[in-house]
Amino acid sequence: MPQVAEHKRVTISAKRQFTIPQKYYESLGFESDAECILQDGGIFIRPLRNEPSDFSEEILADLVAQGLSGQELLARFKEQTKKVRPAVQKMIEEADETAKSDSGKLSTNDLFTQTKS
């Protein structure tokens, strides 16, 4: 059964801030960060979870190979995992720009097939 949308009007301050209604905040499990998505003439806001990226194993393997351990390993792991989301976002933006440009006349296969140099 489809979920019924619930609407609530909020006020935006002069600093472009608003308060998420408590019921929504608690229901969705918001913490300290939220993700805002501009889509279809509106803004979609959802909780941003600090979930490990798909690259966690690779990051850990690289740091261990560098000889890191203990607290230093933990600190560097946290530092590196924070860089994953912005890097992926940048790749998506670059792909979107390429797709919009004249040079974007590549097939999906061309984009994801490695060429041998």
Protein backbone atom coordinates (compact mmCIF):
# COMPACT_ATOMS: atom_id res chain seq x y z
CA MET A 1 0.00 0.00 0.00
CA PRO A 2 1.52 3.39 -0.95
CA GLN A 3 2.55 5.70 1.85
CA VAL A 4 0.41 8.84 2.15
CA ALA A 5 2.40 12.07 1.86
CA GLU A 6 2.16 14.37 4.85
CA HIS A 7 2.57 18.12 4.31
CA LYS A 8 3.69 20.74 6.81
CA ARG A 9 4.37 24.43 6.18
CA VAL A 10 7.63 25.77 7.65
CA THR A 11 9.00 29.30 7.87
CA ILE A 12 12.36 30.17 6.33
CA SER A 13 14.46 32.70 8.26
CA ALA A 14 16.40 35.60 6.76
CA LYS A 15 19.47 33.34 7.01
CA ARG A 16 17.73 30.72 4.78
CA GLN A 17 17.20 28.38 7.75
CA PHE A 18 14.15 26.40 8.80
CA THR A 19 13.31 23.88 11.49
CA ILE A 20 12.43 20.33 10.57
CA PRO A 21 9.17 19.50 12.37
CA GLN A 22 9.92 17.35 15.42
CA LYS A 23 7.62 14.54 14.29
CA TYR A 24 9.50 14.27 10.97
CA TYR A 25 12.90 14.62 12.64
CA GLU A 26 12.22 11.79 15.06
CA SER A 27 10.36 9.59 12.58
CA LEU A 28 13.22 9.68 10.08
CA GLY A 29 16.02 9.45 12.64
CA PHE A 30 17.85 12.67 11.75
CA GLU A 31 21.14 13.22 13.54
CA SER A 32 23.64 16.01 12.84
CA ASP A 33 23.68 16.01 9.03
CA ALA A 34 21.12 16.03 6.25
CA GLU A 35 21.38 15.59 2.49
CA CYS A 36 19.56 18.12 0.28
CA ILE A 37 18.64 17.13 -3.27
CA LEU A 38 17.34 19.64 -5.80
CA GLN A 39 14.79 17.73 -7.86
CA ASP A 40 11.63 18.40 -9.87
CA GLY A 41 11.29 22.02 -8.75
CA GLY A 42 11.71 21.20 -5.05
CA ILE A 43 14.20 20.25 -2.38
CA PHE A 44 14.22 16.73 -0.99
CA ILE A 45 15.85 16.51 2.46
CA ARG A 46 16.79 13.24 4.12
CA PRO A 47 19.01 12.13 6.99
CA LEU A 48 22.65 11.63 6.08
CA ARG A 49 23.97 8.55 7.78
CA ASN A 50 27.64 8.00 8.49
CA GLU A 51 27.61 4.59 6.91
CA PRO A 52 30.82 3.02 5.71
CA SER A 53 31.41 3.46 1.99
CA ASP A 54 31.74 0.59 -0.43
CA PHE A 55 35.45 1.41 -0.44
CA SER A 56 36.06 0.70 3.27
CA GLU A 57 37.93 -2.54 2.68
CA GLU A 58 40.12 -0.99 0.01
CA ILE A 59 40.90 2.03 2.19
CA LEU A 60 41.76 -0.17 5.17
CA ALA A 61 43.91 -2.49 3.07
CA ASP A 62 45.86 0.47 1.70
CA LEU A 63 46.39 2.02 5.14
CA VAL A 64 47.48 -1.31 6.65
CA ALA A 65 49.88 -1.78 3.72
CA GLN A 66 51.34 1.62 4.64
CA GLY A 67 52.13 0.16 8.07
CA LEU A 68 49.47 2.03 10.03
CA SER A 69 47.83 0.53 13.10
CA GLY A 70 45.99 1.47 16.26
CA GLN A 71 44.77 5.03 16.73
CA GLU A 72 46.75 6.30 13.75
CA LEU A 73 45.01 3.76 11.49
CA LEU A 74 41.60 4.76 12.87
CA ALA A 75 42.26 8.49 12.42
CA ARG A 76 43.51 8.08 8.83
CA PHE A 77 40.62 5.74 7.97
CA LYS A 78 38.09 8.35 9.14
CA GLU A 79 39.94 11.03 7.17
CA GLN A 80 39.98 8.97 3.97
CA THR A 81 36.36 7.79 4.14
CA LYS A 82 35.17 11.41 4.41
CA LYS A 83 36.74 12.06 1.00
CA VAL A 84 34.81 9.30 -0.81
CA ARG A 85 31.38 10.98 -1.10
CA PRO A 86 32.76 14.32 -2.45
CA ALA A 87 34.94 12.44 -4.94
CA VAL A 88 32.02 10.37 -6.21
CA GLN A 89 29.84 13.49 -6.40
CA LYS A 90 32.53 15.24 -8.46
CA MET A 91 32.72 12.26 -10.83
CA ILE A 92 28.94 12.35 -11.29
CA GLU A 93 29.00 16.10 -11.99
CA GLU A 94 31.82 15.66 -14.54
CA ALA A 95 29.90 12.84 -16.23
CA ASP A 96 26.79 15.02 -16.38
CA GLU A 97 28.77 17.88 -17.95
CA THR A 98 30.34 15.51 -20.48
CA ALA A 99 26.92 14.15 -21.37
CA LYS A 100 25.63 17.71 -21.98
CA SER A 101 28.59 18.76 -24.13
CA ASP A 102 29.37 17.87 -27.73
CA SER A 103 32.16 15.63 -26.48
CA GLY A 104 29.53 13.64 -24.60
CA LYS A 105 28.61 11.61 -27.65
CA LEU A 106 29.93 8.41 -26.12
CA SER A 107 27.99 5.26 -25.48
CA THR A 108 27.73 3.84 -21.98
CA ASN A 109 30.04 1.08 -23.14
CA ASP A 110 32.63 3.66 -24.24
CA LEU A 111 32.41 5.43 -20.88
CA PHE A 112 32.97 2.30 -18.80
CA THR A 113 35.33 0.30 -21.01
CA GLN A 114 38.98 0.77 -20.28
CA THR A 115 41.19 1.36 -23.27
CA LYS A 116 44.62 -0.17 -23.42
CA SER A 117 47.39 2.37 -23.86
